[in-house]
Amino acid sequence: MKNELFSIGPVTIYGYGLMIGIGILICIIMGMKRAKKYGLKEDAVIDIALAGLLVGWLGAKVLYVIVEWKAFLADPMSVLGTEGFVVYGGITAGVLAAMVYCRRKGYQFLEYFDLLAPSVAVAQAFGRIGCFMAGCCYGRETDSALGVVFPVGSIAPAGVKLLPTQLFSSAGDFGIMLALLWHYKRRKHIGDTGFIYMLLYGVGRFVIEMFRSDNRGEVGVLSTSQFISIFIVAAALALLWNNRKKGKPVKEETAES
């Protein structure tokens, strides 16, 4: 609700950026602690996080440009200069960066995918709190008690009650984190927890899009993110099924530690 928090000289601290930073920091710390606990490499977690962050930022911006292609052609700098990003672009690019890194280092990608999936959900949860503070990703107008009114200066329309879909998303991401932490200790095959993350996030994102009201591109009657979610969920189900048949079993000592 308040994006500009305070200023130190010429530097202004924004709520959106602060929440993103907190989310990334917690993501890395949480990943390193769990890597140590489960016998994986802490340095690899840092490298994967940094690679995922940098490449993911680029991927999120590229997909935003694709979604806003007509506006980009008309005025490229107006699109590139905004704070617009598409999360799915960041997730996809970040995962690809992690895959390339693990391949080059000889690490098993799915082990780190399982390990870091809960941390990614945490980072996303804090990111959505940042969205709420900036007013982006806002929901439909509502008369319900759940509605919030954004002030003048927010990205969201001011003076009307809107569903706080950012907070709904954040709560969902925290819930996904808890579910993945619970599942990780009980997974049967390496990769299961990461694929469960894909499934839960895809379903949650499809549903939350029904309540959003900001401009975010469309494919027919679906938003861009809903369209992508269908493929993410389908891929997750296929990967889980294939993992059940052909996946590498988790070592008992790893699963119980």
C-alpha atoms as a PDB file:
ATOM      1  CA  MET A   1       0.000   0.000   0.000  1.00  0.00           C
ATOM      2  CA  LYS A   2       2.999   2.290   0.428  1.00  0.00           C
ATOM      3  CA  ASN A   3       5.685   1.734  -2.169  1.00  0.00           C
ATOM      4  CA  GLU A   4       8.036   4.609  -1.268  1.00  0.00           C
ATOM      5  CA  LEU A   5       9.061   3.758   2.278  1.00  0.00           C
ATOM      6  CA  PHE A   6      11.771   6.308   3.028  1.00  0.00           C
ATOM      7  CA  SER A   7      14.705   8.144   1.485  1.00  0.00           C
ATOM      8  CA  ILE A   8      18.350   8.405   2.460  1.00  0.00           C
ATOM      9  CA  GLY A   9      19.675  11.428   0.623  1.00  0.00           C
ATOM     10  CA  PRO A  10      19.042  10.845  -3.089  1.00  0.00           C
ATOM     11  CA  VAL A  11      18.300   7.139  -2.551  1.00  0.00           C
ATOM     12  CA  THR A  12      14.666   6.072  -2.130  1.00  0.00           C
ATOM     13  CA  ILE A  13      13.810   2.696  -0.613  1.00  0.00           C
ATOM     14  CA  TYR A  14      10.794   1.134  -2.293  1.00  0.00           C
ATOM     15  CA  GLY A  15       8.562  -1.466  -0.680  1.00  0.00           C
ATOM     16  CA  TYR A  16       8.501  -3.633  -3.797  1.00  0.00           C
ATOM     17  CA  GLY A  17      12.278  -3.787  -4.074  1.00  0.00           C
ATOM     18  CA  LEU A  18      12.706  -4.303  -0.341  1.00  0.00           C
ATOM     19  CA  MET A  19      10.326  -7.264  -0.285  1.00  0.00           C
ATOM     20  CA  ILE A  20      12.030  -8.788  -3.331  1.00  0.00           C
ATOM     21  CA  GLY A  21      15.383  -8.400  -1.576  1.00  0.00           C
ATOM     22  CA  ILE A  22      14.101  -9.956   1.652  1.00  0.00           C
ATOM     23  CA  GLY A  23      12.593 -12.840  -0.288  1.00  0.00           C
ATOM     24  CA  ILE A  24      15.828 -13.547  -2.145  1.00  0.00           C
ATOM     25  CA  LEU A  25      17.875 -13.367   1.048  1.00  0.00           C
ATOM     26  CA  ILE A  26      15.580 -15.780   2.903  1.00  0.00           C
ATOM     27  CA  CYS A  27      15.520 -18.043  -0.147  1.00  0.00           C
ATOM     28  CA  ILE A  28      19.321 -18.322  -0.190  1.00  0.00           C
ATOM     29  CA  ILE A  29      19.729 -18.703   3.586  1.00  0.00           C
ATOM     30  CA  MET A  30      16.995 -21.306   3.760  1.00  0.00           C
ATOM     31  CA  GLY A  31      18.469 -23.181   0.794  1.00  0.00           C
ATOM     32  CA  MET A  32      21.972 -23.205   2.289  1.00  0.00           C
ATOM     33  CA  LYS A  33      20.776 -24.462   5.673  1.00  0.00           C
ATOM     34  CA  ARG A  34      18.772 -27.238   4.082  1.00  0.00           C
ATOM     35  CA  ALA A  35      21.651 -28.137   1.744  1.00  0.00           C
ATOM     36  CA  LYS A  36      23.898 -28.614   4.777  1.00  0.00           C
ATOM     37  CA  LYS A  37      21.236 -30.655   6.537  1.00  0.00           C
ATOM     38  CA  TYR A  38      20.651 -32.992   3.598  1.00  0.00           C
ATOM     39  CA  GLY A  39      24.235 -33.369   2.436  1.00  0.00           C
ATOM     40  CA  LEU A  40      24.182 -31.166  -0.657  1.00  0.00           C
ATOM     41  CA  LYS A  41      26.636 -28.392  -1.530  1.00  0.00           C
ATOM     42  CA  GLU A  42      25.964 -24.977   0.011  1.00  0.00           C
ATOM     43  CA  ASP A  43      28.128 -23.211  -2.570  1.00  0.00           C
ATOM     44  CA  ALA A  44      26.016 -24.721  -5.322  1.00  0.00           C
ATOM     45  CA  VAL A  45      22.906 -23.203  -3.742  1.00  0.00           C
ATOM     46  CA  ILE A  46      24.452 -19.726  -3.883  1.00  0.00           C
ATOM     47  CA  ASP A  47      25.560 -20.176  -7.493  1.00  0.00           C
ATOM     48  CA  ILE A  48      22.178 -21.530  -8.570  1.00  0.00           C
ATOM     49  CA  ALA A  49      20.390 -18.682  -6.778  1.00  0.00           C
ATOM     50  CA  LEU A  50      22.543 -15.996  -8.397  1.00  0.00           C
ATOM     51  CA  ALA A  51      22.308 -17.559 -11.857  1.00  0.00           C
ATOM     52  CA  GLY A  52      18.558 -18.026 -11.457  1.00  0.00           C
ATOM     53  CA  LEU A  53      18.143 -14.447 -10.266  1.00  0.00           C
ATOM     54  CA  LEU A  54      20.062 -12.825 -13.103  1.00  0.00           C
ATOM     55  CA  VAL A  55      18.769 -15.016 -15.919  1.00  0.00           C
ATOM     56  CA  GLY A  56      15.308 -15.122 -14.366  1.00  0.00           C
ATOM     57  CA  TRP A  57      15.100 -11.323 -14.287  1.00  0.00           C
ATOM     58  CA  LEU A  58      15.923 -11.251 -17.983  1.00  0.00           C
ATOM     59  CA  GLY A  59      13.405 -13.987 -18.763  1.00  0.00           C
ATOM     60  CA  ALA A  60      10.636 -12.214 -16.849  1.00  0.00           C
ATOM     61  CA  LYS A  61      11.294  -8.993 -18.740  1.00  0.00           C
ATOM     62  CA  VAL A  62      11.491 -10.742 -22.123  1.00  0.00           C
ATOM     63  CA  LEU A  63       8.131 -12.450 -21.596  1.00  0.00           C
ATOM     64  CA  TYR A  64       6.653  -9.112 -20.495  1.00  0.00           C
ATOM     65  CA  VAL A  65       7.871  -7.546 -23.746  1.00  0.00           C
ATOM     66  CA  ILE A  66       6.255 -10.418 -25.678  1.00  0.00           C
ATOM     67  CA  VAL A  67       2.969  -9.926 -23.834  1.00  0.00           C
ATOM     68  CA  GLU A  68       3.113  -6.169 -24.468  1.00  0.00           C
ATOM     69  CA  TRP A  69       4.463  -6.594 -28.001  1.00  0.00           C
ATOM     70  CA  LYS A  70       2.230  -4.010 -29.681  1.00  0.00           C
ATOM     71  CA  ALA A  71       3.080  -1.403 -27.065  1.00  0.00           C
ATOM     72  CA  PHE A  72       6.750  -2.324 -27.370  1.00  0.00           C
ATOM     73  CA  LEU A  73       6.725  -1.794 -31.135  1.00  0.00           C
ATOM     74  CA  ALA A  74       5.030   1.569 -30.707  1.00  0.00           C
ATOM     75  CA  ASP A  75       7.370   2.800 -27.966  1.00  0.00           C
ATOM     76  CA  PRO A  76      10.095   0.331 -26.877  1.00  0.00           C
ATOM     77  CA  MET A  77      11.475   2.465 -24.053  1.00  0.00           C
ATOM     78  CA  SER A  78       8.059   2.940 -22.455  1.00  0.00           C
ATOM     79  CA  VAL A  79       7.814  -0.849 -22.049  1.00  0.00           C
ATOM     80  CA  LEU A  80      11.438  -1.505 -21.110  1.00  0.00           C
ATOM     81  CA  GLY A  81      11.418   1.348 -18.632  1.00  0.00           C
ATOM     82  CA  THR A  82       8.459   0.089 -16.629  1.00  0.00           C
ATOM     83  CA  GLU A  83       8.547  -2.280 -13.649  1.00  0.00           C
ATOM     84  CA  GLY A  84       6.597  -4.841 -15.655  1.00  0.00           C
ATOM     85  CA  PHE A  85       7.601  -8.490 -15.457  1.00  0.00           C
ATOM     86  CA  VAL A  86       5.888 -11.831 -16.103  1.00  0.00           C
ATOM     87  CA  VAL A  87       6.709 -14.319 -13.350  1.00  0.00           C
ATOM     88  CA  TYR A  88       6.486 -17.387 -15.572  1.00  0.00           C
ATOM     89  CA  GLY A  89       9.235 -15.986 -17.778  1.00  0.00           C
ATOM     90  CA  GLY A  90      11.449 -15.619 -14.731  1.00  0.00           C
ATOM     91  CA  ILE A  91      10.694 -19.111 -13.425  1.00  0.00           C
ATOM     92  CA  THR A  92      11.348 -20.743 -16.800  1.00  0.00           C
ATOM     93  CA  ALA A  93      14.580 -18.862 -17.441  1.00  0.00           C
ATOM     94  CA  GLY A  94      15.769 -19.425 -13.860  1.00  0.00           C
ATOM     95  CA  VAL A  95      15.158 -23.175 -14.070  1.00  0.00           C
ATOM     96  CA  LEU A  96      17.006 -23.379 -17.395  1.00  0.00           C
ATOM     97  CA  ALA A  97      19.945 -21.485 -15.881  1.00  0.00           C
ATOM     98  CA  ALA A  98      20.012 -23.921 -12.943  1.00  0.00           C
ATOM     99  CA  MET A  99      19.910 -26.883 -15.315  1.00  0.00           C
ATOM    100  CA  VAL A 100      22.849 -25.543 -17.321  1.00  0.00           C
ATOM    101  CA  TYR A 101      24.842 -24.841 -14.145  1.00  0.00           C
ATOM    102  CA  CYS A 102      24.224 -28.314 -12.698  1.00  0.00           C
ATOM    103  CA  ARG A 103      25.135 -29.961 -15.979  1.00  0.00           C
ATOM    104  CA  ARG A 104      28.405 -28.040 -16.200  1.00  0.00           C
ATOM    105  CA  LYS A 105      29.309 -28.868 -12.597  1.00  0.00           C
ATOM    106  CA  GLY A 106      28.210 -32.479 -12.749  1.00  0.00           C
ATOM    107  CA  TYR A 107      25.459 -32.069 -10.142  1.00  0.00           C
ATOM    108  CA  GLN A 108      22.097 -33.788 -10.319  1.00  0.00           C
ATOM    109  CA  PHE A 109      19.661 -30.994 -11.171  1.00  0.00           C
ATOM    110  CA  LEU A 110      16.578 -32.708  -9.771  1.00  0.00           C
ATOM    111  CA  GLU A 111      18.199 -33.019  -6.331  1.00  0.00           C
ATOM    112  CA  TYR A 112      18.651 -29.262  -6.161  1.00  0.00           C
ATOM    113  CA  PHE A 113      15.255 -28.638  -7.742  1.00  0.00           C
ATOM    114  CA  ASP A 114      13.648 -30.609  -4.912  1.00  0.00           C
ATOM    115  CA  LEU A 115      15.772 -28.888  -2.286  1.00  0.00           C
ATOM    116  CA  LEU A 116      15.198 -25.327  -3.502  1.00  0.00           C
ATOM    117  CA  ALA A 117      11.531 -25.522  -4.506  1.00  0.00           C
ATOM    118  CA  PRO A 118      10.313 -24.482  -1.011  1.00  0.00           C
ATOM    119  CA  SER A 119      12.817 -21.606  -1.009  1.00  0.00           C
ATOM    120  CA  VAL A 120      11.561 -20.397  -4.387  1.00  0.00           C
ATOM    121  CA  ALA A 121       8.007 -20.400  -3.017  1.00  0.00           C
ATOM    122  CA  VAL A 122       9.159 -18.233  -0.092  1.00  0.00           C
ATOM    123  CA  ALA A 123      10.806 -15.734  -2.431  1.00  0.00           C
ATOM    124  CA  GLN A 124       7.615 -15.554  -4.472  1.00  0.00           C
ATOM    125  CA  ALA A 125       5.529 -15.022  -1.333  1.00  0.00           C
ATOM    126  CA  PHE A 126       7.578 -11.991  -0.308  1.00  0.00           C
ATOM    127  CA  GLY A 127       7.556 -10.753  -3.891  1.00  0.00           C
ATOM    128  CA  ARG A 128       3.762 -10.705  -3.854  1.00  0.00           C
ATOM    129  CA  ILE A 129       3.800  -8.673  -0.647  1.00  0.00           C
ATOM    130  CA  GLY A 130       5.957  -6.244  -2.605  1.00  0.00           C
ATOM    131  CA  CYS A 131       3.321  -6.238  -5.333  1.00  0.00           C
ATOM    132  CA  PHE A 132       0.720  -5.298  -2.733  1.00  0.00           C
ATOM    133  CA  MET A 133       2.846  -2.406  -1.523  1.00  0.00           C
ATOM    134  CA  ALA A 134       3.343  -1.140  -5.075  1.00  0.00           C
ATOM    135  CA  GLY A 135      -0.278  -1.751  -6.076  1.00  0.00           C
ATOM    136  CA  CYS A 136       0.493  -3.933  -9.086  1.00  0.00           C
ATOM    137  CA  CYS A 137      -1.205  -7.263  -9.849  1.00  0.00           C
ATOM    138  CA  TYR A 138      -4.418  -5.937  -8.288  1.00  0.00           C
ATOM    139  CA  GLY A 139      -7.774  -7.664  -8.185  1.00  0.00           C
ATOM    140  CA  ARG A 140     -11.311  -6.895  -9.277  1.00  0.00           C
ATOM    141  CA  GLU A 141     -13.552  -4.301  -7.713  1.00  0.00           C
ATOM    142  CA  THR A 142     -15.516  -5.703  -4.799  1.00  0.00           C
ATOM    143  CA  ASP A 143     -17.991  -4.747  -2.083  1.00  0.00           C
ATOM    144  CA  SER A 144     -16.850  -7.525   0.245  1.00  0.00           C
ATOM    145  CA  ALA A 145     -15.071  -7.036   3.549  1.00  0.00           C
ATOM    146  CA  LEU A 146     -11.921  -8.385   1.913  1.00  0.00           C
ATOM    147  CA  GLY A 147     -11.619  -5.354  -0.343  1.00  0.00           C
ATOM    148  CA  VAL A 148      -8.828  -2.794   0.101  1.00  0.00           C
ATOM    149  CA  VAL A 149      -8.543   0.766  -1.185  1.00  0.00           C
ATOM    150  CA  PHE A 150      -5.218   1.781  -2.685  1.00  0.00           C
ATOM    151  CA  PRO A 151      -4.009   5.355  -2.271  1.00  0.00           C
ATOM    152  CA  VAL A 152      -3.305   7.820  -5.052  1.00  0.00           C
ATOM    153  CA  GLY A 153       0.093   7.103  -6.549  1.00  0.00           C
ATOM    154  CA  SER A 154      -0.270   3.322  -6.511  1.00  0.00           C
ATOM    155  CA  ILE A 155      -0.286   1.333  -9.715  1.00  0.00           C
ATOM    156  CA  ALA A 156      -3.765   0.094  -8.778  1.00  0.00           C
ATOM    157  CA  PRO A 157      -6.798   2.338  -9.336  1.00  0.00           C
ATOM    158  CA  ALA A 158      -7.195   4.608  -6.315  1.00  0.00           C
ATOM    159  CA  GLY A 159     -10.354   5.192  -4.322  1.00  0.00           C
ATOM    160  CA  VAL A 160     -12.164   1.911  -5.084  1.00  0.00           C
ATOM    161  CA  LYS A 161     -12.280  -1.333  -3.139  1.00  0.00           C
ATOM    162  CA  LEU A 162     -10.292  -4.068  -4.862  1.00  0.00           C
ATOM    163  CA  LEU A 163      -9.611  -7.681  -4.022  1.00  0.00           C
ATOM    164  CA  PRO A 164      -6.048  -7.947  -2.634  1.00  0.00           C
ATOM    165  CA  THR A 165      -5.052 -10.728  -5.030  1.00  0.00           C
ATOM    166  CA  GLN A 166      -1.407 -10.015  -4.206  1.00  0.00           C
ATOM    167  CA  LEU A 167      -1.985 -11.122  -0.618  1.00  0.00           C
ATOM    168  CA  PHE A 168      -4.022 -14.123  -1.751  1.00  0.00           C
ATOM    169  CA  SER A 169      -1.074 -15.133  -3.931  1.00  0.00           C
ATOM    170  CA  SER A 170       1.382 -14.563  -1.094  1.00  0.00           C
ATOM    171  CA  ALA A 171      -0.646 -16.707   1.298  1.00  0.00           C
ATOM    172  CA  GLY A 172      -0.832 -19.407  -1.343  1.00  0.00           C
ATOM    173  CA  ASP A 173       2.936 -19.307  -1.881  1.00  0.00           C
ATOM    174  CA  PHE A 174       3.585 -19.642   1.855  1.00  0.00           C
ATOM    175  CA  GLY A 175       1.175 -22.578   1.858  1.00  0.00           C
ATOM    176  CA  ILE A 176       3.053 -24.173  -1.039  1.00  0.00           C
ATOM    177  CA  MET A 177       6.299 -23.741   0.894  1.00  0.00           C
ATOM    178  CA  LEU A 178       4.893 -25.622   3.892  1.00  0.00           C
ATOM    179  CA  ALA A 179       3.485 -28.371   1.691  1.00  0.00           C
ATOM    180  CA  LEU A 180       6.826 -28.823  -0.081  1.00  0.00           C
ATOM    181  CA  LEU A 181       8.796 -28.917   3.166  1.00  0.00           C
ATOM    182  CA  TRP A 182       6.459 -31.648   4.393  1.00  0.00           C
ATOM    183  CA  HIS A 183       6.652 -33.535   1.111  1.00  0.00           C
ATOM    184  CA  TYR A 184      10.449 -33.371   0.767  1.00  0.00           C
ATOM    185  CA  LYS A 185      10.997 -35.667   3.736  1.00  0.00           C
ATOM    186  CA  ARG A 186       8.497 -38.154   2.336  1.00  0.00           C
ATOM    187  CA  ARG A 187       9.314 -38.094  -1.382  1.00  0.00           C
ATOM    188  CA  LYS A 188       9.823 -41.466  -3.024  1.00  0.00           C
ATOM    189  CA  HIS A 189      11.774 -40.369  -6.081  1.00  0.00           C
ATOM    190  CA  ILE A 190      14.230 -37.567  -6.788  1.00  0.00           C
ATOM    191  CA  GLY A 191      12.348 -34.811  -8.583  1.00  0.00           C
ATOM    192  CA  ASP A 192       8.965 -35.423  -6.972  1.00  0.00           C
ATOM    193  CA  THR A 193       9.061 -32.316  -4.769  1.00  0.00           C
ATOM    194  CA  GLY A 194      10.054 -30.044  -7.646  1.00  0.00           C
ATOM    195  CA  PHE A 195       7.289 -31.439  -9.826  1.00  0.00           C
ATOM    196  CA  ILE A 196       4.775 -30.977  -6.981  1.00  0.00           C
ATOM    197  CA  TYR A 197       5.868 -27.333  -6.849  1.00  0.00           C
ATOM    198  CA  MET A 198       5.096 -26.984 -10.561  1.00  0.00           C
ATOM    199  CA  LEU A 199       1.683 -28.572 -10.049  1.00  0.00           C
ATOM    200  CA  LEU A 200       0.663 -26.500  -7.025  1.00  0.00           C
ATOM    201  CA  TYR A 201       1.942 -23.222  -8.405  1.00  0.00           C
ATOM    202  CA  GLY A 202       0.344 -23.826 -11.793  1.00  0.00           C
ATOM    203  CA  VAL A 203      -3.065 -24.598 -10.294  1.00  0.00           C
ATOM    204  CA  GLY A 204      -2.860 -21.701  -7.844  1.00  0.00           C
ATOM    205  CA  ARG A 205      -1.804 -19.245 -10.527  1.00  0.00           C
ATOM    206  CA  PHE A 206      -4.631 -20.323 -12.840  1.00  0.00           C
ATOM    207  CA  VAL A 207      -7.188 -19.771 -10.075  1.00  0.00           C
ATOM    208  CA  ILE A 208      -5.857 -16.426  -8.828  1.00  0.00           C
ATOM    209  CA  GLU A 209      -5.900 -15.044 -12.366  1.00  0.00           C
ATOM    210  CA  MET A 210      -9.691 -15.294 -12.291  1.00  0.00           C
ATOM    211  CA  PHE A 211      -9.799 -12.570  -9.646  1.00  0.00           C
ATOM    212  CA  ARG A 212      -7.218 -10.179 -11.094  1.00  0.00           C
ATOM    213  CA  SER A 213      -8.166  -7.060 -13.009  1.00  0.00           C
ATOM    214  CA  ASP A 214      -4.851  -5.604 -14.207  1.00  0.00           C
ATOM    215  CA  ASN A 215      -3.774  -5.738 -17.843  1.00  0.00           C
ATOM    216  CA  ARG A 216      -1.555  -8.828 -18.275  1.00  0.00           C
ATOM    217  CA  GLY A 217      -2.123 -10.078 -21.814  1.00  0.00           C
ATOM    218  CA  GLU A 218      -4.516 -12.712 -23.055  1.00  0.00           C
ATOM    219  CA  VAL A 219      -4.733 -15.811 -25.219  1.00  0.00           C
ATOM    220  CA  GLY A 220      -8.354 -16.172 -26.267  1.00  0.00           C
ATOM    221  CA  VAL A 221     -10.507 -16.176 -23.128  1.00  0.00           C
ATOM    222  CA  LEU A 222      -7.521 -16.937 -20.893  1.00  0.00           C
ATOM    223  CA  SER A 223      -4.891 -14.619 -19.503  1.00  0.00           C
ATOM    224  CA  THR A 224      -1.332 -15.274 -20.644  1.00  0.00           C
ATOM    225  CA  SER A 225      -0.485 -16.801 -17.261  1.00  0.00           C
ATOM    226  CA  GLN A 226      -3.558 -19.047 -17.301  1.00  0.00           C
ATOM    227  CA  PHE A 227      -2.586 -20.277 -20.754  1.00  0.00           C
ATOM    228  CA  ILE A 228       0.949 -21.068 -19.569  1.00  0.00           C
ATOM    229  CA  SER A 229      -0.407 -22.644 -16.361  1.00  0.00           C
ATOM    230  CA  ILE A 230      -2.259 -25.295 -18.350  1.00  0.00           C
ATOM    231  CA  PHE A 231       1.012 -26.497 -19.850  1.00  0.00           C
ATOM    232  CA  ILE A 232       2.855 -26.269 -16.523  1.00  0.00           C
ATOM    233  CA  VAL A 233       0.232 -28.401 -14.782  1.00  0.00           C
ATOM    234  CA  ALA A 234       0.128 -30.904 -17.656  1.00  0.00           C
ATOM    235  CA  ALA A 235       3.935 -31.151 -17.637  1.00  0.00           C
ATOM    236  CA  ALA A 236       3.991 -31.602 -13.849  1.00  0.00           C
ATOM    237  CA  LEU A 237       1.462 -34.448 -13.986  1.00  0.00           C
ATOM    238  CA  ALA A 238       3.344 -36.148 -16.816  1.00  0.00           C
ATOM    239  CA  LEU A 239       6.682 -35.809 -15.009  1.00  0.00           C
ATOM    240  CA  LEU A 240       5.244 -37.142 -11.753  1.00  0.00           C
ATOM    241  CA  TRP A 241       3.741 -40.127 -13.544  1.00  0.00           C
ATOM    242  CA  ASN A 242       6.986 -40.830 -15.392  1.00  0.00           C
ATOM    243  CA  ASN A 243       8.984 -40.402 -12.168  1.00  0.00           C
ATOM    244  CA  ARG A 244       6.783 -42.940 -10.450  1.00  0.00           C
ATOM    245  CA  LYS A 245       7.639 -45.471 -13.157  1.00  0.00           C
ATOM    246  CA  LYS A 246      11.245 -44.622 -13.983  1.00  0.00           C
ATOM    247  CA  GLY A 247      12.458 -42.123 -11.393  1.00  0.00           C
ATOM    248  CA  LYS A 248      15.544 -42.561  -9.260  1.00  0.00           C
ATOM    249  CA  PRO A 249      14.537 -43.630  -5.729  1.00  0.00           C
ATOM    250  CA  VAL A 250      15.558 -41.426  -2.836  1.00  0.00           C
ATOM    251  CA  LYS A 251      18.166 -42.968  -0.563  1.00  0.00           C
ATOM    252  CA  GLU A 252      16.619 -43.895   2.772  1.00  0.00           C
ATOM    253  CA  GLU A 253      19.223 -42.006   4.794  1.00  0.00           C
ATOM    254  CA  THR A 254      18.546 -38.831   2.761  1.00  0.00           C
ATOM    255  CA  ALA A 255      14.777 -39.104   3.073  1.00  0.00           C
ATOM    256  CA  GLU A 256      14.933 -39.619   6.847  1.00  0.00           C
ATOM    257  CA  SER A 257      17.615 -37.079   7.743  1.00  0.00           C
END
